[in-house]
N, C-alpha and C. Protein backbone atom coordinates (compact mmCIF):
# COMPACT_ATOMS: atom_id res chain seq x y z
N UNK A 1 -41.54 262.40 86.54
CA UNK A 1 -40.59 261.61 85.76
C UNK A 1 -41.21 261.30 84.41
N UNK A 2 -40.41 261.28 83.40
CA UNK A 2 -40.90 261.03 82.05
C UNK A 2 -40.86 259.55 81.71
N UNK A 3 -41.66 259.16 80.73
CA UNK A 3 -41.68 257.77 80.27
C UNK A 3 -40.70 257.54 79.13
N UNK A 4 -39.83 258.49 78.87
CA UNK A 4 -38.89 258.37 77.76
C UNK A 4 -37.47 258.66 78.22
N UNK A 5 -36.53 257.97 77.60
CA UNK A 5 -35.12 258.27 77.71
C UNK A 5 -34.67 258.57 76.29
N UNK A 6 -33.97 259.66 76.11
CA UNK A 6 -33.60 260.10 74.77
C UNK A 6 -32.97 258.96 73.97
N UNK A 7 -33.55 258.64 72.82
CA UNK A 7 -33.03 257.62 71.92
C UNK A 7 -33.51 256.22 72.20
N UNK A 8 -34.18 256.01 73.34
CA UNK A 8 -34.61 254.66 73.68
C UNK A 8 -36.11 254.45 73.53
N UNK A 9 -36.88 255.49 73.37
CA UNK A 9 -38.32 255.33 73.23
C UNK A 9 -38.99 255.20 74.58
N UNK A 10 -40.27 254.82 74.60
CA UNK A 10 -41.02 254.76 75.85
C UNK A 10 -40.56 253.61 76.74
N UNK A 11 -40.67 253.85 78.03
CA UNK A 11 -40.33 252.83 79.02
C UNK A 11 -41.60 252.19 79.55
N UNK A 12 -41.49 250.95 79.99
CA UNK A 12 -42.64 250.27 80.59
C UNK A 12 -42.93 250.89 81.95
N UNK A 13 -44.17 250.92 82.31
CA UNK A 13 -44.58 251.44 83.61
C UNK A 13 -44.28 250.40 84.68
N UNK A 14 -44.24 250.80 85.96
CA UNK A 14 -44.00 249.83 87.03
C UNK A 14 -45.08 248.75 87.05
N UNK A 15 -44.74 247.64 87.62
CA UNK A 15 -45.63 246.49 87.77
C UNK A 15 -46.07 245.88 86.45
N UNK A 16 -45.31 246.11 85.40
CA UNK A 16 -45.58 245.47 84.12
C UNK A 16 -46.73 246.08 83.33
N UNK A 17 -47.31 247.17 83.81
CA UNK A 17 -48.40 247.81 83.06
C UNK A 17 -47.81 248.61 81.92
N UNK A 18 -48.48 248.61 80.79
CA UNK A 18 -48.01 249.37 79.65
C UNK A 18 -48.37 250.83 79.83
N UNK A 19 -47.47 251.70 79.40
CA UNK A 19 -47.78 253.12 79.44
C UNK A 19 -48.83 253.41 78.37
N UNK A 20 -49.61 254.46 78.51
CA UNK A 20 -50.69 254.73 77.57
C UNK A 20 -50.24 254.83 76.12
N UNK A 21 -49.07 255.43 75.86
CA UNK A 21 -48.64 255.58 74.47
C UNK A 21 -48.14 254.27 73.86
N UNK A 22 -47.79 253.26 74.66
CA UNK A 22 -47.35 251.96 74.15
C UNK A 22 -48.52 251.02 73.94
N UNK A 23 -49.63 251.27 74.59
CA UNK A 23 -50.74 250.33 74.60
C UNK A 23 -51.20 249.94 73.21
N UNK A 24 -51.23 250.86 72.27
CA UNK A 24 -51.73 250.55 70.93
C UNK A 24 -50.67 250.12 69.94
N UNK A 25 -49.40 250.12 70.33
CA UNK A 25 -48.33 249.83 69.38
C UNK A 25 -48.17 248.35 69.07
N UNK A 26 -48.60 247.47 69.95
CA UNK A 26 -48.51 246.04 69.70
C UNK A 26 -47.11 245.47 69.82
N UNK A 27 -46.20 246.19 70.45
CA UNK A 27 -44.84 245.68 70.64
C UNK A 27 -44.84 244.68 71.78
N UNK A 28 -44.03 243.61 71.67
CA UNK A 28 -44.00 242.62 72.76
C UNK A 28 -43.34 243.19 74.01
N UNK A 29 -43.79 242.75 75.15
CA UNK A 29 -43.18 243.16 76.41
C UNK A 29 -41.90 242.37 76.64
N UNK A 30 -41.12 242.79 77.63
CA UNK A 30 -39.89 242.09 77.95
C UNK A 30 -40.18 240.64 78.33
N UNK A 31 -41.23 240.44 79.12
CA UNK A 31 -41.61 239.09 79.53
C UNK A 31 -41.96 238.21 78.35
N UNK A 32 -42.66 238.77 77.38
CA UNK A 32 -43.04 238.00 76.19
C UNK A 32 -41.81 237.63 75.38
N UNK A 33 -40.88 238.56 75.23
CA UNK A 33 -39.65 238.29 74.49
C UNK A 33 -38.84 237.20 75.20
N UNK A 34 -38.75 237.32 76.52
CA UNK A 34 -38.00 236.33 77.29
C UNK A 34 -38.64 234.94 77.17
N UNK A 35 -39.96 234.88 77.28
CA UNK A 35 -40.67 233.61 77.16
C UNK A 35 -40.44 232.99 75.77
N UNK A 36 -40.47 233.83 74.74
CA UNK A 36 -40.24 233.35 73.37
C UNK A 36 -38.83 232.78 73.22
N UNK A 37 -37.85 233.46 73.79
CA UNK A 37 -36.47 233.00 73.69
C UNK A 37 -36.25 231.70 74.47
N UNK A 38 -36.90 231.57 75.61
CA UNK A 38 -36.80 230.32 76.37
C UNK A 38 -37.40 229.18 75.55
N UNK A 39 -38.50 229.44 74.87
CA UNK A 39 -39.10 228.43 74.00
C UNK A 39 -38.17 228.02 72.86
N UNK A 40 -37.45 229.00 72.30
CA UNK A 40 -36.52 228.69 71.22
C UNK A 40 -35.34 227.84 71.72
N UNK A 41 -34.85 228.16 72.92
CA UNK A 41 -33.76 227.37 73.50
C UNK A 41 -34.25 225.95 73.76
N UNK A 42 -35.45 225.82 74.27
CA UNK A 42 -36.02 224.49 74.50
C UNK A 42 -36.13 223.71 73.20
N UNK A 43 -36.55 224.36 72.13
CA UNK A 43 -36.68 223.69 70.84
C UNK A 43 -35.32 223.22 70.33
N UNK A 44 -34.28 224.04 70.53
CA UNK A 44 -32.93 223.62 70.13
C UNK A 44 -32.48 222.40 70.93
N UNK A 45 -32.83 222.36 72.22
CA UNK A 45 -32.50 221.19 73.04
C UNK A 45 -33.21 219.95 72.52
N UNK A 46 -34.49 220.10 72.18
CA UNK A 46 -35.25 218.96 71.65
C UNK A 46 -34.69 218.50 70.31
N UNK A 47 -34.29 219.45 69.46
CA UNK A 47 -33.70 219.10 68.17
C UNK A 47 -32.39 218.34 68.36
N UNK A 48 -31.59 218.77 69.33
CA UNK A 48 -30.32 218.08 69.60
C UNK A 48 -30.58 216.67 70.12
N UNK A 49 -31.56 216.53 71.00
CA UNK A 49 -31.90 215.19 71.50
C UNK A 49 -32.37 214.28 70.37
N UNK A 50 -33.17 214.83 69.46
CA UNK A 50 -33.67 214.05 68.32
C UNK A 50 -32.51 213.66 67.41
N UNK A 51 -31.56 214.58 67.21
CA UNK A 51 -30.41 214.28 66.36
C UNK A 51 -29.55 213.17 66.97
N UNK A 52 -29.37 213.21 68.28
CA UNK A 52 -28.60 212.16 68.96
C UNK A 52 -29.32 210.82 68.84
N UNK A 53 -30.63 210.84 69.02
CA UNK A 53 -31.42 209.61 68.90
C UNK A 53 -31.33 209.05 67.48
N UNK A 54 -31.42 209.93 66.48
CA UNK A 54 -31.32 209.48 65.08
C UNK A 54 -29.94 208.90 64.79
N UNK A 55 -28.90 209.47 65.38
CA UNK A 55 -27.55 208.94 65.19
C UNK A 55 -27.43 207.55 65.83
N UNK A 56 -27.99 207.42 67.02
CA UNK A 56 -27.89 206.15 67.74
C UNK A 56 -28.68 205.04 67.06
N UNK A 57 -29.80 205.39 66.43
CA UNK A 57 -30.62 204.38 65.76
C UNK A 57 -30.23 204.16 64.31
N UNK A 58 -29.29 204.95 63.81
CA UNK A 58 -28.84 204.78 62.43
C UNK A 58 -29.65 205.53 61.40
N UNK A 59 -30.61 206.34 61.81
CA UNK A 59 -31.42 207.11 60.85
C UNK A 59 -30.61 208.22 60.20
N UNK A 60 -29.63 208.77 60.93
CA UNK A 60 -28.79 209.84 60.40
C UNK A 60 -27.34 209.54 60.76
N UNK A 61 -26.57 209.02 59.81
CA UNK A 61 -25.18 208.66 60.11
C UNK A 61 -24.22 209.86 60.08
N UNK A 62 -24.71 211.07 59.79
CA UNK A 62 -23.86 212.25 59.67
C UNK A 62 -23.60 212.84 61.06
N UNK A 63 -22.43 212.54 61.60
CA UNK A 63 -22.11 213.01 62.95
C UNK A 63 -21.88 214.52 62.99
N UNK A 64 -21.49 215.12 61.87
CA UNK A 64 -21.27 216.57 61.84
C UNK A 64 -22.58 217.31 62.10
N UNK A 65 -23.68 216.83 61.52
CA UNK A 65 -24.97 217.46 61.76
C UNK A 65 -25.40 217.31 63.22
N UNK A 66 -25.12 216.17 63.79
CA UNK A 66 -25.48 215.92 65.19
C UNK A 66 -24.66 216.84 66.10
N UNK A 67 -23.37 216.93 65.84
CA UNK A 67 -22.52 217.80 66.66
C UNK A 67 -22.92 219.27 66.52
N UNK A 68 -23.30 219.67 65.34
CA UNK A 68 -23.75 221.05 65.13
C UNK A 68 -25.02 221.32 65.94
N UNK A 69 -25.96 220.41 65.90
CA UNK A 69 -27.21 220.58 66.66
C UNK A 69 -26.93 220.64 68.16
N UNK A 70 -26.04 219.79 68.64
CA UNK A 70 -25.71 219.76 70.06
C UNK A 70 -25.00 221.05 70.47
N UNK A 71 -24.07 221.52 69.66
CA UNK A 71 -23.35 222.75 69.98
C UNK A 71 -24.26 223.98 69.94
N UNK A 72 -25.19 224.02 68.99
CA UNK A 72 -26.15 225.12 68.95
C UNK A 72 -27.00 225.15 70.21
N UNK A 73 -27.46 223.99 70.63
CA UNK A 73 -28.27 223.90 71.84
C UNK A 73 -27.45 224.30 73.07
N UNK A 74 -26.22 223.85 73.13
CA UNK A 74 -25.35 224.16 74.26
C UNK A 74 -25.06 225.66 74.34
N UNK A 75 -24.74 226.27 73.22
CA UNK A 75 -24.46 227.71 73.19
C UNK A 75 -25.69 228.53 73.56
N UNK A 76 -26.84 228.13 73.04
CA UNK A 76 -28.08 228.85 73.36
C UNK A 76 -28.39 228.73 74.86
N UNK A 77 -28.20 227.55 75.43
CA UNK A 77 -28.46 227.36 76.85
C UNK A 77 -27.49 228.17 77.71
N UNK A 78 -26.22 228.16 77.35
CA UNK A 78 -25.24 228.94 78.11
C UNK A 78 -25.53 230.43 78.04
N UNK A 79 -25.95 230.90 76.88
CA UNK A 79 -26.32 232.31 76.72
C UNK A 79 -27.52 232.64 77.59
N UNK A 80 -28.52 231.78 77.57
CA UNK A 80 -29.72 231.99 78.39
C UNK A 80 -29.34 232.02 79.88
N UNK A 81 -28.45 231.17 80.30
CA UNK A 81 -28.03 231.16 81.70
C UNK A 81 -27.28 232.44 82.07
N UNK A 82 -26.50 232.97 81.16
CA UNK A 82 -25.81 234.23 81.42
C UNK A 82 -26.80 235.38 81.54
N UNK A 83 -27.82 235.37 80.70
CA UNK A 83 -28.87 236.40 80.79
C UNK A 83 -29.58 236.28 82.13
N UNK A 84 -29.89 235.06 82.54
CA UNK A 84 -30.53 234.83 83.83
C UNK A 84 -29.66 235.35 84.97
N UNK A 85 -28.37 235.06 84.91
CA UNK A 85 -27.46 235.50 85.96
C UNK A 85 -27.39 237.03 86.02
N UNK A 86 -27.37 237.68 84.87
CA UNK A 86 -27.33 239.15 84.84
C UNK A 86 -28.62 239.73 85.40
N UNK A 87 -29.75 239.13 85.06
CA UNK A 87 -31.03 239.62 85.59
C UNK A 87 -31.10 239.46 87.11
N UNK A 88 -30.66 238.32 87.62
CA UNK A 88 -30.63 238.12 89.06
C UNK A 88 -29.70 239.09 89.76
N UNK A 89 -28.57 239.34 89.16
CA UNK A 89 -27.62 240.29 89.71
C UNK A 89 -28.22 241.69 89.76
N UNK A 90 -28.88 242.09 88.68
CA UNK A 90 -29.53 243.41 88.65
C UNK A 90 -30.64 243.49 89.68
N UNK A 91 -31.41 242.43 89.83
CA UNK A 91 -32.49 242.40 90.82
C UNK A 91 -31.93 242.55 92.23
N UNK A 92 -30.87 241.83 92.52
CA UNK A 92 -30.25 241.91 93.85
C UNK A 92 -29.71 243.31 94.11
N UNK A 93 -29.09 243.90 93.10
CA UNK A 93 -28.55 245.25 93.25
C UNK A 93 -29.66 246.26 93.51
N UNK A 94 -30.76 246.14 92.80
CA UNK A 94 -31.89 247.05 93.02
C UNK A 94 -32.47 246.83 94.41
N UNK A 95 -32.57 245.58 94.84
CA UNK A 95 -33.08 245.28 96.17
C UNK A 95 -32.18 245.88 97.26
N UNK A 96 -30.88 245.81 97.03
CA UNK A 96 -29.93 246.39 97.99
C UNK A 96 -30.07 247.91 98.07
N UNK A 97 -30.33 248.54 96.95
CA UNK A 97 -30.48 250.00 96.93
C UNK A 97 -31.73 250.45 97.66
N UNK A 98 -32.76 249.62 97.67
CA UNK A 98 -34.02 250.00 98.30
C UNK A 98 -34.03 249.80 99.80
N UNK A 99 -33.08 249.05 100.35
CA UNK A 99 -33.08 248.81 101.79
C UNK A 99 -32.24 249.80 102.53
């Protein structure tokens, strides 16, 4: 089996090991990208919490900014949950195929 699919470039090896031709490229792995995106969603949640706190204490009376921060955090979280659901679904499907 080849480590390439036409137009997609090299594929990761099983068990998360990098294939020899990817080892020197310095591209992030899927796990690293996922971890980075989870961190960004967390930061949006923290920013929204801070905006709500600032509104409640009177530091920022602009409710439009607060609502924008809350909606950005909500949308990012919902998107992350959909990605999680798709990954779990794919994992279950692969597990079913192997049994």
